[in-house]
C-alpha cells in the first residue's frame, strides 16, 4: 500500500542528491516536500530513520569522497562544490566522518585504478574466494546513472519499504550492476538498489522484483569506503580473473553490503563483490 507521503519523500531525496552544493536547509527541503517545516522534519525522520541534516551531510561527504578517490585537485573548490562554506569546515566534517583528512584520503594507493598488467604470484590487495551462492529474490528500486550515485536509490528504497511495512520481509542489502562503466556512458548505467526478500509480500511500483540465480561466484571482500569499490573491481577483473582459470557467467555482478553507512564508520564498511562464474 502506497504511503501518503511517499511522493514527497522521493522529491526531497532527488533534490538532495541533485543539488548537493546548494542550499539544503530545512526550510528549502520543506518547500520541496510542499509541507510546513514544523511537520516535515518529523515525518522525514519517521520514514527514513534519520534526520534531514544527517542525510544531507552523508550525501555531501559521499560525493566528496568519490571526487577525492579520482584525484580531485583542489580541495577548496571541492568544499564549495559539495555545499561547505570553506575548506576548513569541509575538512573538519570530512575528517570526522572518514577518520582522515581529505588530502590523505585523496592520496590512498588502494583507491587507484591500476594498469591492466597480469602477473602471477603478486599478492592481491583484497581477498577473493570462490563460493556457492544461493538463489535470491529481491525487492528493488531501479537506478539509472553513475554507479556511485546508487545511494540515492537506496535511500528511496529504504523510505518506501519503511512506509509500506516491508522491512519485516527484508534481509541482506544488495546492489545489482548490469553495465560495464568502462564502455557505457555514466548517464546510461543501469542498476538496482535492493534488499533480499523473504515471504511473498505485495510489491507495487516504483518497487520491482529481481531474481538472482544460485551458482558459483567469485567473491571479493572489500573493507572501507564505497568510493574505493571501483579499484576493487579493477583488481578482480584485471588481476584475479585472468589468472584464475575461471570464466564469468551470463548474469550480472552484485554487491552484498554486510553493514550500513547509517551506523558504521566508512573505514569499517564491509562489501562483498560477487561475480557469477560458469
Protein backbone atom coordinates (compact mmCIF):
# COMPACT_ATOMS: atom_id res chain seq x y z
CA UNK A 1 0.00 0.00 0.00
CA UNK A 2 1.40 3.40 -1.00
CA UNK A 3 2.21 5.76 1.89
CA UNK A 4 0.51 9.19 1.59
CA UNK A 5 3.89 10.98 1.90
CA UNK A 6 5.89 8.69 -0.39
CA UNK A 7 5.94 11.11 -3.36
CA UNK A 8 7.12 13.94 -1.10
CA UNK A 9 9.97 11.76 0.19
CA UNK A 10 11.05 10.86 -3.37
CA UNK A 11 11.12 14.56 -4.35
CA UNK A 12 13.21 15.52 -1.35
CA UNK A 13 15.76 12.73 -1.81
CA UNK A 14 16.10 13.55 -5.51
CA UNK A 15 16.63 17.20 -4.65
CA UNK A 16 19.30 16.44 -2.04
CA UNK A 17 21.35 14.27 -4.38
CA UNK A 18 20.93 16.53 -7.40
CA UNK A 19 21.77 19.75 -5.53
CA UNK A 20 24.46 18.70 -3.02
CA UNK A 21 26.25 22.03 -3.42
CA UNK A 22 23.16 24.21 -2.98
CA UNK A 23 21.09 25.40 -0.04
CA UNK A 24 19.67 22.28 1.60
CA UNK A 25 18.29 23.86 4.75
CA UNK A 26 15.19 22.53 6.47
CA UNK A 27 13.17 25.41 5.02
CA UNK A 28 14.30 24.63 1.47
CA UNK A 29 13.60 20.91 1.76
CA UNK A 30 10.23 21.52 3.41
CA UNK A 31 9.35 23.67 0.39
CA UNK A 32 10.40 20.82 -1.92
CA UNK A 33 8.13 18.49 0.07
CA UNK A 34 5.34 21.10 -0.08
CA UNK A 35 4.82 20.84 3.66
CA UNK A 36 5.34 23.02 6.71
CA UNK A 37 8.85 22.85 8.17
CA UNK A 38 7.22 22.26 11.58
CA UNK A 39 5.98 18.87 10.42
CA UNK A 40 8.18 17.72 7.55
CA UNK A 41 11.35 17.02 9.54
CA UNK A 42 9.39 14.77 11.93
CA UNK A 43 7.71 12.91 9.08
CA UNK A 44 11.05 12.51 7.27
CA UNK A 45 12.74 11.07 10.33
CA UNK A 46 9.86 8.64 10.90
CA UNK A 47 10.07 7.41 7.29
CA UNK A 48 13.88 7.17 6.98
CA UNK A 49 15.22 6.65 10.48
CA UNK A 50 17.50 9.70 10.33
CA UNK A 51 17.23 13.49 10.28
CA UNK A 52 17.36 15.61 7.13
CA UNK A 53 20.66 17.06 8.33
CA UNK A 54 22.18 13.59 8.63
CA UNK A 55 21.08 12.67 5.11
CA UNK A 56 22.42 15.92 3.65
CA UNK A 57 25.78 15.53 5.39
CA UNK A 58 26.19 11.94 4.27
CA UNK A 59 25.24 12.78 0.66
CA UNK A 60 27.67 15.70 0.51
CA UNK A 61 30.60 13.81 2.01
CA UNK A 62 29.97 10.73 -0.14
CA UNK A 63 30.12 12.90 -3.25
CA UNK A 64 33.34 14.45 -1.93
CA UNK A 65 34.86 11.01 -1.25
CA UNK A 66 34.09 9.89 -4.80
CA UNK A 67 35.71 13.05 -6.22
CA UNK A 68 38.76 12.62 -3.98
CA UNK A 69 39.17 8.97 -4.99
CA UNK A 70 39.55 10.12 -8.59
CA UNK A 71 42.17 12.72 -7.61
CA UNK A 72 40.18 15.96 -7.24
CA UNK A 73 42.99 18.53 -7.46
CA UNK A 74 41.60 21.47 -5.47
CA UNK A 75 40.13 20.74 -2.04
CA UNK A 76 38.94 24.32 -1.54
CA UNK A 77 36.90 24.21 -4.77
CA UNK A 78 35.59 20.76 -3.87
CA UNK A 79 34.44 22.05 -0.47
CA UNK A 80 32.28 24.72 -2.11
CA UNK A 81 31.03 22.29 -4.77
CA UNK A 82 29.60 19.98 -2.09
CA UNK A 83 27.97 22.74 -0.08
CA UNK A 84 30.53 23.84 2.52
CA UNK A 85 31.35 27.49 3.20
CA UNK A 86 35.12 26.94 3.14
CA UNK A 87 37.85 24.31 3.10
CA UNK A 88 38.29 24.39 6.89
CA UNK A 89 34.69 23.46 7.71
CA UNK A 90 34.70 20.82 4.95
CA UNK A 91 37.95 19.32 6.25
CA UNK A 92 36.60 19.10 9.80
CA UNK A 93 33.38 17.41 8.69
CA UNK A 94 35.12 15.02 6.29
CA UNK A 95 37.75 14.04 8.87
CA UNK A 96 35.07 13.41 11.49
CA UNK A 97 33.21 11.02 9.18
CA UNK A 98 36.09 9.36 7.31
CA UNK A 99 38.75 9.35 10.02
CA UNK A 100 41.32 11.11 7.82
CA UNK A 101 41.75 14.44 6.09
CA UNK A 102 40.57 14.97 2.50
CA UNK A 103 44.20 15.28 1.36
CA UNK A 104 45.17 11.97 2.94
CA UNK A 105 42.05 10.26 1.58
CA UNK A 106 42.92 11.53 -1.92
CA UNK A 107 46.41 10.00 -1.71
CA UNK A 108 45.27 6.46 -0.83
CA UNK A 109 47.00 3.93 -3.04
CA UNK A 110 44.26 1.32 -2.62
CA UNK A 111 41.78 3.65 -4.37
CA UNK A 112 43.84 3.98 -7.54
CA UNK A 113 42.82 2.10 -10.67
CA UNK A 114 45.86 0.07 -11.72
CA UNK A 115 47.10 -0.55 -15.29
CA UNK A 116 45.84 -3.94 -16.58
CA UNK A 117 49.13 -5.79 -16.17
CA UNK A 118 48.60 -9.50 -15.49
CA UNK A 119 51.32 -11.05 -13.34
CA UNK A 120 51.02 -14.31 -11.49
CA UNK A 121 52.19 -14.53 -7.94
CA UNK A 122 51.56 -10.92 -6.96
CA UNK A 123 49.63 -10.51 -3.70
CA UNK A 124 46.05 -9.28 -4.05
CA UNK A 125 45.07 -6.17 -2.13
CA UNK A 126 41.65 -7.68 -1.29
CA UNK A 127 40.92 -11.39 -0.67
CA UNK A 128 38.99 -13.35 -3.33
CA UNK A 129 37.38 -16.77 -2.88
CA UNK A 130 35.09 -18.97 -5.00
CA UNK A 131 31.83 -19.74 -3.22
CA UNK A 132 28.41 -21.20 -3.98
CA UNK A 133 25.76 -18.52 -3.60
CA UNK A 134 22.06 -19.27 -3.04
CA UNK A 135 19.25 -18.04 -5.30
CA UNK A 136 17.90 -14.71 -4.07
CA UNK A 137 14.61 -12.89 -4.54
CA UNK A 138 14.97 -9.13 -4.19
CA UNK A 139 12.74 -6.11 -3.72
CA UNK A 140 14.44 -3.33 -5.63
CA UNK A 141 14.46 0.32 -6.67
CA UNK A 142 15.85 0.90 -10.19
CA UNK A 143 18.66 3.40 -10.72
CA UNK A 144 19.95 4.89 -13.97
CA UNK A 145 23.13 6.94 -13.83
CA UNK A 146 26.62 6.77 -12.29
CA UNK A 147 27.01 3.79 -10.01
CA UNK A 148 28.41 5.90 -7.19
CA UNK A 149 25.03 7.68 -7.05
CA UNK A 150 23.08 4.49 -6.26
CA UNK A 151 22.91 5.67 -2.63
CA UNK A 152 20.06 7.90 -3.84
CA UNK A 153 18.11 4.78 -4.90
CA UNK A 154 18.92 3.01 -1.63
CA UNK A 155 17.51 5.92 0.37
CA UNK A 156 14.36 5.91 -1.75
CA UNK A 157 14.09 2.15 -1.36
CA UNK A 158 14.50 2.29 2.42
CA UNK A 159 11.97 5.08 2.83
CA UNK A 160 9.43 3.33 0.63
CA UNK A 161 9.88 -0.01 2.38
CA UNK A 162 9.56 1.59 5.81
CA UNK A 163 6.40 3.42 4.75
CA UNK A 164 4.87 0.20 3.38
CA UNK A 165 5.90 -2.03 6.30
CA UNK A 166 8.15 -4.23 4.13
CA UNK A 167 11.22 -4.34 6.36
CA UNK A 168 9.74 -7.35 8.16
CA UNK A 169 10.48 -9.26 4.92
CA UNK A 170 13.95 -7.78 4.29
CA UNK A 171 17.34 -9.39 4.79
CA UNK A 172 20.67 -8.50 3.15
CA UNK A 173 21.15 -5.18 1.35
CA UNK A 174 22.32 -5.78 -2.24
CA UNK A 175 23.25 -3.73 -5.31
CA UNK A 176 22.97 -5.28 -8.79
CA UNK A 177 25.00 -3.75 -11.64
CA UNK A 178 24.16 -4.52 -15.28
CA UNK A 179 26.62 -2.48 -17.36
CA UNK A 180 30.38 -2.05 -17.71
CA UNK A 181 31.22 1.54 -16.68
CA UNK A 182 34.31 1.48 -18.91
CA UNK A 183 32.19 1.00 -22.06
CA UNK A 184 28.82 2.55 -21.11
CA UNK A 185 28.25 6.30 -20.60
CA UNK A 186 27.77 7.06 -16.92
CA UNK A 187 24.31 8.54 -17.54
CA UNK A 188 23.17 5.24 -19.11
CA UNK A 189 24.40 2.80 -16.45
CA UNK A 190 21.58 0.60 -15.13
CA UNK A 191 21.48 -0.88 -11.63
CA UNK A 192 19.13 -1.91 -8.83
CA UNK A 193 19.31 -0.98 -5.16
CA UNK A 194 17.75 -3.93 -3.36
CA UNK A 195 17.05 -5.95 -0.26
CA UNK A 196 16.85 -9.72 -0.21
CA UNK A 197 13.21 -10.67 0.28
CA UNK A 198 11.58 -13.35 2.41
CA UNK A 199 7.99 -14.46 2.06
CA UNK A 200 5.71 -13.16 -0.70
CA UNK A 201 4.69 -9.60 0.17
CA UNK A 202 2.92 -7.46 -2.42
CA UNK A 203 5.40 -5.36 -4.40
CA UNK A 204 3.98 -2.31 -6.17
CA UNK A 205 5.70 0.38 -8.30
CA UNK A 206 8.08 2.07 -8.12
CA UNK A 207 9.48 -1.05 -6.43
CA UNK A 208 10.43 -4.00 -8.62
CA UNK A 209 11.17 -7.69 -8.04
CA UNK A 210 14.55 -9.04 -9.16
CA UNK A 211 15.82 -12.65 -9.13
CA UNK A 212 19.47 -13.68 -8.74
CA UNK A 213 20.20 -17.33 -9.62
CA UNK A 214 22.18 -19.74 -7.46
CA UNK A 215 25.65 -20.87 -8.52
CA UNK A 216 29.39 -20.49 -8.18
CA UNK A 217 30.67 -16.95 -7.67
CA UNK A 218 33.99 -15.22 -7.25
CA UNK A 219 33.64 -13.18 -4.07
CA UNK A 220 35.97 -10.29 -3.24
CA UNK A 221 35.65 -8.83 0.26
CA UNK A 222 36.33 -5.11 0.40
CA UNK A 223 36.69 -3.18 3.65
CA UNK A 224 36.43 0.59 3.53
CA UNK A 225 34.51 3.49 1.99
CA UNK A 226 32.36 2.78 -1.05
CA UNK A 227 34.50 5.23 -3.03
CA UNK A 228 37.17 2.51 -3.14
CA UNK A 229 34.98 -0.10 -4.81
CA UNK A 230 35.94 0.75 -8.44
CA UNK A 231 39.57 -0.09 -7.69
CA UNK A 232 38.46 -3.37 -6.07
CA UNK A 233 36.54 -4.29 -9.24
CA UNK A 234 39.66 -3.45 -11.23
CA UNK A 235 41.66 -5.93 -9.15
CA UNK A 236 39.04 -8.64 -9.50
CA UNK A 237 38.67 -8.36 -13.28
CA UNK A 238 42.22 -7.36 -14.27
CA UNK A 239 44.34 -9.36 -11.82
CA UNK A 240 42.41 -12.23 -10.26
CA UNK A 241 40.10 -13.40 -13.06
CA UNK A 242 42.67 -13.75 -15.89
CA UNK A 243 44.93 -15.92 -13.74
CA UNK A 244 42.19 -17.96 -12.03
CA UNK A 245 41.15 -20.20 -14.92
CA UNK A 246 37.54 -19.11 -14.32
CA UNK A 247 35.09 -17.64 -16.85
CA UNK A 248 32.38 -15.14 -15.84
CA UNK A 249 28.77 -16.30 -16.12
CA UNK A 250 25.93 -14.70 -18.03
CA UNK A 251 24.26 -12.90 -15.12
CA UNK A 252 25.26 -9.52 -13.63
CA UNK A 253 27.68 -8.97 -10.76
CA UNK A 254 26.24 -7.78 -7.47
CA UNK A 255 27.39 -6.39 -4.16
CA UNK A 256 26.30 -7.59 -0.73
CA UNK A 257 26.61 -4.90 1.94
CA UNK A 258 27.38 -6.56 5.26
CA UNK A 259 26.75 -3.38 7.28
CA UNK A 260 25.26 0.07 6.72
CA UNK A 261 26.74 3.58 6.37
CA UNK A 262 23.90 4.83 8.58
CA UNK A 263 25.53 3.28 11.67
CA UNK A 264 29.04 2.24 10.54
CA UNK A 265 32.15 4.37 10.02
CA UNK A 266 33.28 4.41 6.36
CA UNK A 267 36.56 2.61 7.16
CA UNK A 268 34.59 -0.26 8.73
CA UNK A 269 32.12 -0.82 5.89
CA UNK A 270 32.25 -4.38 4.52
CA UNK A 271 31.19 -5.18 0.96
CA UNK A 272 31.26 -8.47 -0.92
CA UNK A 273 31.61 -8.11 -4.70
CA UNK A 274 30.09 -11.26 -6.24
CA UNK A 275 30.82 -12.19 -9.87
CA UNK A 276 28.89 -15.22 -11.24
CA UNK A 277 31.07 -17.95 -12.77
CA UNK A 278 30.30 -20.62 -15.35
